[in-house]
PDB file of N, CA and C in Angstrom:
ATOM      1  N   MET A   1       0.855  -1.173   0.000  1.00  0.00           N
ATOM      2  CA  MET A   1       0.000   0.000   0.000  1.00  0.00           C
ATOM      3  C   MET A   1       0.900   1.236   0.000  1.00  0.00           C
ATOM      4  N   ASP A   2       0.625   2.164  -0.914  1.00  0.00           N
ATOM      5  CA  ASP A   2       1.478   3.344  -1.000  1.00  0.00           C
ATOM      6  C   ASP A   2       1.029   4.420  -0.022  1.00  0.00           C
ATOM      7  N   THR A   3       1.813   5.484   0.076  1.00  0.00           N
ATOM      8  CA  THR A   3       1.541   6.533   1.059  1.00  0.00           C
ATOM      9  C   THR A   3       0.250   7.299   0.766  1.00  0.00           C
ATOM     10  N   VAL A   4      -0.124   7.416  -0.500  1.00  0.00           N
ATOM     11  CA  VAL A   4      -1.382   8.095  -0.835  1.00  0.00           C
ATOM     12  C   VAL A   4      -2.557   7.300  -0.256  1.00  0.00           C
ATOM     13  N   GLU A   5      -2.554   6.002  -0.464  1.00  0.00           N
ATOM     14  CA  GLU A   5      -3.629   5.167   0.072  1.00  0.00           C
ATOM     15  C   GLU A   5      -3.649   5.212   1.596  1.00  0.00           C
ATOM     16  N   LYS A   6      -2.486   5.224   2.223  1.00  0.00           N
ATOM     17  CA  LYS A   6      -2.425   5.319   3.687  1.00  0.00           C
ATOM     18  C   LYS A   6      -3.038   6.632   4.161  1.00  0.00           C
ATOM     19  N   HIS A   7      -2.763   7.712   3.450  1.00  0.00           N
ATOM     20  CA  HIS A   7      -3.326   9.016   3.805  1.00  0.00           C
ATOM     21  C   HIS A   7      -4.851   9.007   3.630  1.00  0.00           C
ATOM     22  N   ILE A   8      -5.329   8.404   2.562  1.00  0.00           N
ATOM     23  CA  ILE A   8      -6.767   8.287   2.330  1.00  0.00           C
ATOM     24  C   ILE A   8      -7.423   7.513   3.474  1.00  0.00           C
ATOM     25  N   ILE A   9      -6.803   6.438   3.908  1.00  0.00           N
ATOM     26  CA  ILE A   9      -7.336   5.640   5.017  1.00  0.00           C
ATOM     27  C   ILE A   9      -7.356   6.457   6.307  1.00  0.00           C
ATOM     28  N   GLU A  10      -6.323   7.266   6.554  1.00  0.00           N
ATOM     29  CA  GLU A  10      -6.304   8.126   7.742  1.00  0.00           C
ATOM     30  C   GLU A  10      -7.471   9.114   7.721  1.00  0.00           C
ATOM     31  N   ILE A  11      -7.729   9.702   6.564  1.00  0.00           N
ATOM     32  CA  ILE A  11      -8.855  10.639   6.419  1.00  0.00           C
ATOM     33  C   ILE A  11     -10.170   9.910   6.688  1.00  0.00           C
ATOM     34  N   ALA A  12     -10.314   8.726   6.099  1.00  0.00           N
ATOM     35  CA  ALA A  12     -11.537   7.943   6.270  1.00  0.00           C
ATOM     36  C   ALA A  12     -11.741   7.528   7.724  1.00  0.00           C
ATOM     37  N   LYS A  13     -10.675   7.103   8.391  1.00  0.00           N
ATOM     38  CA  LYS A  13     -10.768   6.702   9.798  1.00  0.00           C
ATOM     39  C   LYS A  13     -11.200   7.876  10.670  1.00  0.00           C
ATOM     40  N   ALA A  14     -10.627   9.038  10.427  1.00  0.00           N
ATOM     41  CA  ALA A  14     -10.984  10.229  11.204  1.00  0.00           C
ATOM     42  C   ALA A  14     -12.445  10.594  10.984  1.00  0.00           C
ATOM     43  N   PHE A  15     -12.911  10.507   9.738  1.00  0.00           N
ATOM     44  CA  PHE A  15     -14.307  10.803   9.421  1.00  0.00           C
ATOM     45  C   PHE A  15     -15.230   9.826  10.153  1.00  0.00           C
ATOM     46  N   ALA A  16     -14.890   8.549  10.106  1.00  0.00           N
ATOM     47  CA  ALA A  16     -15.705   7.520  10.770  1.00  0.00           C
ATOM     48  C   ALA A  16     -15.734   7.752  12.280  1.00  0.00           C
ATOM     49  N   ALA A  17     -14.605   8.115  12.862  1.00  0.00           N
ATOM     50  CA  ALA A  17     -14.544   8.370  14.300  1.00  0.00           C
ATOM     51  C   ALA A  17     -15.437   9.546  14.687  1.00  0.00           C
ATOM     52  N   GLU A  18     -15.450  10.589  13.863  1.00  0.00           N
ATOM     53  CA  GLU A  18     -16.314  11.747  14.117  1.00  0.00           C
ATOM     54  C   GLU A  18     -17.791  11.348  14.122  1.00  0.00           C
ATOM     55  N   LYS A  19     -18.147  10.394  13.276  1.00  0.00           N
ATOM     56  CA  LYS A  19     -19.537   9.925  13.180  1.00  0.00           C
ATOM     57  C   LYS A  19     -19.867   8.869  14.239  1.00  0.00           C
ATOM     58  N   GLY A  20     -18.839   8.331  14.906  1.00  0.00           N
ATOM     59  CA  GLY A  20     -19.051   7.289  15.898  1.00  0.00           C
ATOM     60  C   GLY A  20     -19.266   5.912  15.302  1.00  0.00           C
ATOM     61  N   TRP A  21     -18.805   5.727  14.073  1.00  0.00           N
ATOM     62  CA  TRP A  21     -18.973   4.453  13.381  1.00  0.00           C
ATOM     63  C   TRP A  21     -17.832   3.505  13.717  1.00  0.00           C
ATOM     64  N   SER A  22     -18.141   2.215  13.823  1.00  0.00           N
ATOM     65  CA  SER A  22     -17.096   1.217  14.082  1.00  0.00           C
ATOM     66  C   SER A  22     -16.284   0.977  12.812  1.00  0.00           C
ATOM     67  N   TRP A  23     -14.990   0.838  12.976  1.00  0.00           N
ATOM     68  CA  TRP A  23     -14.058   0.651  11.866  1.00  0.00           C
ATOM     69  C   TRP A  23     -13.577  -0.791  11.885  1.00  0.00           C
ATOM     70  N   LEU A  24     -13.943  -1.564  10.873  1.00  0.00           N
ATOM     71  CA  LEU A  24     -13.532  -2.965  10.792  1.00  0.00           C
ATOM     72  C   LEU A  24     -12.720  -3.201   9.535  1.00  0.00           C
ATOM     73  N   GLU A  25     -11.700  -4.003   9.669  1.00  0.00           N
ATOM     74  CA  GLU A  25     -10.877  -4.361   8.511  1.00  0.00           C
ATOM     75  C   GLU A  25     -11.344  -5.711   7.984  1.00  0.00           C
ATOM     76  N   PRO A  26     -11.036  -6.060   6.780  1.00  0.00           N
ATOM     77  CA  PRO A  26     -10.114  -5.429   5.835  1.00  0.00           C
ATOM     78  C   PRO A  26     -10.747  -4.216   5.143  1.00  0.00           C
ATOM     79  N   ILE A  27      -9.861  -3.377   4.630  1.00  0.00           N
ATOM     80  CA  ILE A  27     -10.245  -2.145   3.954  1.00  0.00           C
ATOM     81  C   ILE A  27      -9.954  -2.292   2.466  1.00  0.00           C
ATOM     82  N   GLU A  28     -10.884  -1.809   1.668  1.00  0.00           N
ATOM     83  CA  GLU A  28     -10.683  -1.792   0.216  1.00  0.00           C
ATOM     84  C   GLU A  28     -10.628  -0.327  -0.227  1.00  0.00           C
ATOM     85  N   VAL A  29      -9.547   0.046  -0.907  1.00  0.00           N
ATOM     86  CA  VAL A  29      -9.365   1.419  -1.395  1.00  0.00           C
ATOM     87  C   VAL A  29      -9.133   1.358  -2.898  1.00  0.00           C
ATOM     88  N   ARG A  30      -9.926   2.132  -3.632  1.00  0.00           N
ATOM     89  CA  ARG A  30      -9.801   2.156  -5.097  1.00  0.00           C
ATOM     90  C   ARG A  30      -9.903   3.574  -5.610  1.00  0.00           C
ATOM     91  N   LEU A  31      -9.150   3.867  -6.648  1.00  0.00           N
ATOM     92  CA  LEU A  31      -9.280   5.143  -7.342  1.00  0.00           C
ATOM     93  C   LEU A  31     -10.313   4.958  -8.445  1.00  0.00           C
ATOM     94  N   THR A  32     -11.294   5.842  -8.499  1.00  0.00           N
ATOM     95  CA  THR A  32     -12.405   5.714  -9.437  1.00  0.00           C
ATOM     96  C   THR A  32     -12.739   7.079 -10.023  1.00  0.00           C
ATOM     97  N   SER A  33     -13.715   7.124 -10.889  1.00  0.00           N
ATOM     98  CA  SER A  33     -14.181   8.385 -11.464  1.00  0.00           C
ATOM     99  C   SER A  33     -15.601   8.661 -11.003  1.00  0.00           C
ATOM    100  N   THR A  34     -15.907   9.944 -10.772  1.00  0.00           N
ATOM    101  CA  THR A  34     -17.266  10.329 -10.415  1.00  0.00           C
ATOM    102  C   THR A  34     -18.058  10.574 -11.689  1.00  0.00           C
ATOM    103  N   SER A  35     -19.341  10.799 -11.551  1.00  0.00           N
ATOM    104  CA  SER A  35     -20.188  11.068 -12.717  1.00  0.00           C
ATOM    105  C   SER A  35     -19.799  12.368 -13.423  1.00  0.00           C
ATOM    106  N   SER A  36     -19.156  13.283 -12.680  1.00  0.00           N
ATOM    107  CA  SER A  36     -18.723  14.545 -13.286  1.00  0.00           C
ATOM    108  C   SER A  36     -17.339  14.432 -13.930  1.00  0.00           C
ATOM    109  N   GLY A  37     -16.717  13.262 -13.818  1.00  0.00           N
ATOM    110  CA  GLY A  37     -15.413  13.046 -14.432  1.00  0.00           C
ATOM    111  C   GLY A  37     -14.237  13.278 -13.505  1.00  0.00           C
ATOM    112  N   ASP A  38     -14.496  13.721 -12.279  1.00  0.00           N
ATOM    113  CA  ASP A  38     -13.418  13.899 -11.304  1.00  0.00           C
ATOM    114  C   ASP A  38     -12.928  12.537 -10.815  1.00  0.00           C
ATOM    115  N   LYS A  39     -11.673  12.490 -10.377  1.00  0.00           N
ATOM    116  CA  LYS A  39     -11.154  11.267  -9.769  1.00  0.00           C
ATOM    117  C   LYS A  39     -11.454  11.307  -8.279  1.00  0.00           C
ATOM    118  N   ALA A  40     -11.809  10.160  -7.739  1.00  0.00           N
ATOM    119  CA  ALA A  40     -12.126  10.058  -6.322  1.00  0.00           C
ATOM    120  C   ALA A  40     -11.679   8.703  -5.796  1.00  0.00           C
ATOM    121  N   TRP A  41     -11.415   8.672  -4.502  1.00  0.00           N
ATOM    122  CA  TRP A  41     -11.035   7.444  -3.819  1.00  0.00           C
ATOM    123  C   TRP A  41     -12.261   6.845  -3.161  1.00  0.00           C
ATOM    124  N   SER A  42     -12.510   5.583  -3.430  1.00  0.00           N
ATOM    125  CA  SER A  42     -13.595   4.839  -2.811  1.00  0.00           C
ATOM    126  C   SER A  42     -12.994   4.007  -1.678  1.00  0.00           C
ATOM    127  N   VAL A  43     -13.582   4.134  -0.488  1.00  0.00           N
ATOM    128  CA  VAL A  43     -13.110   3.374   0.670  1.00  0.00           C
ATOM    129  C   VAL A  43     -14.273   2.542   1.199  1.00  0.00           C
ATOM    130  N   LEU A  44     -14.022   1.261   1.424  1.00  0.00           N
ATOM    131  CA  LEU A  44     -15.014   0.352   1.983  1.00  0.00           C
ATOM    132  C   LEU A  44     -14.370  -0.413   3.128  1.00  0.00           C
ATOM    133  N   THR A  45     -15.004  -0.369   4.302  1.00  0.00           N
ATOM    134  CA  THR A  45     -14.500  -1.142   5.439  1.00  0.00           C
ATOM    135  C   THR A  45     -15.237  -2.470   5.525  1.00  0.00           C
ATOM    136  N   ASN A  46     -14.644  -3.386   6.289  1.00  0.00           N
ATOM    137  CA  ASN A  46     -15.232  -4.721   6.458  1.00  0.00           C
ATOM    138  C   ASN A  46     -15.593  -5.282   5.077  1.00  0.00           C
ATOM    139  N   ALA A  47     -14.634  -5.169   4.171  1.00  0.00           N
ATOM    140  CA  ALA A  47     -14.850  -5.332   2.732  1.00  0.00           C
ATOM    141  C   ALA A  47     -15.421  -6.682   2.300  1.00  0.00           C
ATOM    142  N   TYR A  48     -15.135  -7.736   3.016  1.00  0.00           N
ATOM    143  CA  TYR A  48     -15.580  -9.048   2.555  1.00  0.00           C
ATOM    144  C   TYR A  48     -16.758  -9.584   3.353  1.00  0.00           C
ATOM    145  N   ALA A  49     -17.427  -8.703   4.063  1.00  0.00           N
ATOM    146  CA  ALA A  49     -18.571  -9.122   4.879  1.00  0.00           C
ATOM    147  C   ALA A  49     -19.764  -8.222   4.602  1.00  0.00           C
ATOM    148  N   ARG A  50     -20.910  -8.722   4.911  1.00  0.00           N
ATOM    149  CA  ARG A  50     -22.143  -7.952   4.760  1.00  0.00           C
ATOM    150  C   ARG A  50     -22.490  -7.343   6.110  1.00  0.00           C
ATOM    151  N   GLY A  51     -22.654  -6.038   6.129  1.00  0.00           N
ATOM    152  CA  GLY A  51     -23.003  -5.332   7.355  1.00  0.00           C
ATOM    153  C   GLY A  51     -21.795  -4.723   8.033  1.00  0.00           C
ATOM    154  N   ARG A  52     -22.081  -3.694   8.844  1.00  0.00           N
ATOM    155  CA  ARG A  52     -21.054  -2.927   9.550  1.00  0.00           C
ATOM    156  C   ARG A  52     -20.001  -2.406   8.579  1.00  0.00           C
ATOM    157  N   ASN A  53     -20.465  -1.972   7.400  1.00  0.00           N
ATOM    158  CA  ASN A  53     -19.583  -1.420   6.376  1.00  0.00           C
ATOM    159  C   ASN A  53     -19.689   0.099   6.368  1.00  0.00           C
ATOM    160  N   ILE A  54     -18.559   0.742   6.183  1.00  0.00           N
ATOM    161  CA  ILE A  54     -18.515   2.180   5.954  1.00  0.00           C
ATOM    162  C   ILE A  54     -18.105   2.363   4.508  1.00  0.00           C
ATOM    163  N   ARG A  55     -18.838   3.211   3.784  1.00  0.00           N
ATOM    164  CA  ARG A  55     -18.496   3.539   2.404  1.00  0.00           C
ATOM    165  C   ARG A  55     -18.267   5.035   2.319  1.00  0.00           C
ATOM    166  N   LEU A  56     -17.115   5.407   1.786  1.00  0.00           N
ATOM    167  CA  LEU A  56     -16.772   6.813   1.625  1.00  0.00           C
ATOM    168  C   LEU A  56     -16.268   7.056   0.217  1.00  0.00           C
ATOM    169  N   LEU A  57     -16.530   8.251  -0.294  1.00  0.00           N
ATOM    170  CA  LEU A  57     -15.975   8.690  -1.560  1.00  0.00           C
ATOM    171  C   LEU A  57     -15.243   9.995  -1.278  1.00  0.00           C
ATOM    172  N   ILE A  58     -13.942  10.006  -1.546  1.00  0.00           N
ATOM    173  CA  ILE A  58     -13.077  11.140  -1.215  1.00  0.00           C
ATOM    174  C   ILE A  58     -12.461  11.671  -2.504  1.00  0.00           C
ATOM    175  N   LEU A  59     -12.690  12.961  -2.773  1.00  0.00           N
ATOM    176  CA  LEU A  59     -12.141  13.568  -3.992  1.00  0.00           C
ATOM    177  C   LEU A  59     -10.620  13.528  -3.977  1.00  0.00           C
ATOM    178  N   ASP A  60     -10.038  13.194  -5.100  1.00  0.00           N
ATOM    179  CA  ASP A  60      -8.586  13.146  -5.219  1.00  0.00           C
ATOM    180  C   ASP A  60      -7.987  14.557  -5.206  1.00  0.00           C
ATOM    181  N   SER A  61      -8.697  15.526  -5.755  1.00  0.00           N
ATOM    182  CA  SER A  61      -8.150  16.881  -5.902  1.00  0.00           C
ATOM    183  C   SER A  61      -7.951  17.606  -4.575  1.00  0.00           C
ATOM    184  N   ASP A  62      -8.924  17.512  -3.663  1.00  0.00           N
ATOM    185  CA  ASP A  62      -8.802  18.255  -2.398  1.00  0.00           C
ATOM    186  C   ASP A  62      -9.032  17.389  -1.157  1.00  0.00           C
ATOM    187  N   LEU A  63      -9.208  16.091  -1.347  1.00  0.00           N
ATOM    188  CA  LEU A  63      -9.385  15.105  -0.277  1.00  0.00           C
ATOM    189  C   LEU A  63     -10.630  15.366   0.583  1.00  0.00           C
ATOM    190  N   ALA A  64     -11.645  15.965  -0.023  1.00  0.00           N
ATOM    191  CA  ALA A  64     -12.912  16.195   0.669  1.00  0.00           C
ATOM    192  C   ALA A  64     -13.793  14.954   0.557  1.00  0.00           C
ATOM    193  N   VAL A  65     -14.473  14.616   1.637  1.00  0.00           N
ATOM    194  CA  VAL A  65     -15.438  13.517   1.620  1.00  0.00           C
ATOM    195  C   VAL A  65     -16.700  14.034   0.944  1.00  0.00           C
ATOM    196  N   ILE A  66     -17.072  13.425  -0.191  1.00  0.00           N
ATOM    197  CA  ILE A  66     -18.238  13.915  -0.948  1.00  0.00           C
ATOM    198  C   ILE A  66     -19.437  12.985  -0.830  1.00  0.00           C
ATOM    199  N   GLU A  67     -19.229  11.746  -0.439  1.00  0.00           N
ATOM    200  CA  GLU A  67     -20.318  10.794  -0.195  1.00  0.00           C
ATOM    201  C   GLU A  67     -19.911   9.899   0.955  1.00  0.00           C
ATOM    202  N   PHE A  68     -20.906   9.507   1.762  1.00  0.00           N
ATOM    203  CA  PHE A  68     -20.613   8.606   2.852  1.00  0.00           C
ATOM    204  C   PHE A  68     -21.877   7.876   3.274  1.00  0.00           C
ATOM    205  N   SER A  69     -21.681   6.672   3.797  1.00  0.00           N
ATOM    206  CA  SER A  69     -22.784   5.909   4.353  1.00  0.00           C
ATOM    207  C   SER A  69     -22.242   4.849   5.312  1.00  0.00           C
ATOM    208  N   TYR A  70     -23.107   4.464   6.226  1.00  0.00           N
ATOM    209  CA  TYR A  70     -22.792   3.380   7.148  1.00  0.00           C
ATOM    210  C   TYR A  70     -23.886   2.341   6.996  1.00  0.00           C
ATOM    211  N   LEU A  71     -23.496   1.127   6.722  1.00  0.00           N
ATOM    212  CA  LEU A  71     -24.448   0.040   6.513  1.00  0.00           C
ATOM    213  C   LEU A  71     -24.381  -0.901   7.727  1.00  0.00           C
ATOM    214  N   PRO A  72     -25.256  -0.694   8.716  1.00  0.00           N
ATOM    215  CA  PRO A  72     -25.145  -1.450   9.956  1.00  0.00           C
ATOM    216  C   PRO A  72     -25.528  -2.921   9.868  1.00  0.00           C
ATOM    217  N   ARG A  73     -26.332  -3.274   8.889  1.00  0.00           N
ATOM    218  CA  ARG A  73     -26.859  -4.629   8.798  1.00  0.00           C
ATOM    219  C   ARG A  73     -25.828  -5.651   8.478  1.00  0.00           C
TER     220      ARG A  73
END
């Protein structure tokens, strides 16, 4: 895992902590494109299980969280 991905995970962890969401590994991080054509990082926690997942979309340009959800089931 490179330093960019580590930084993205740190941002995601801090966001989850602010929301009070549980953070479970393994983590899946992917660079993707948004509908507007911007690049964004997709983060999914508890990646190989159903439930207790956090999903975040973080813009590559300014590292802002633009979408988020917690799937408790």
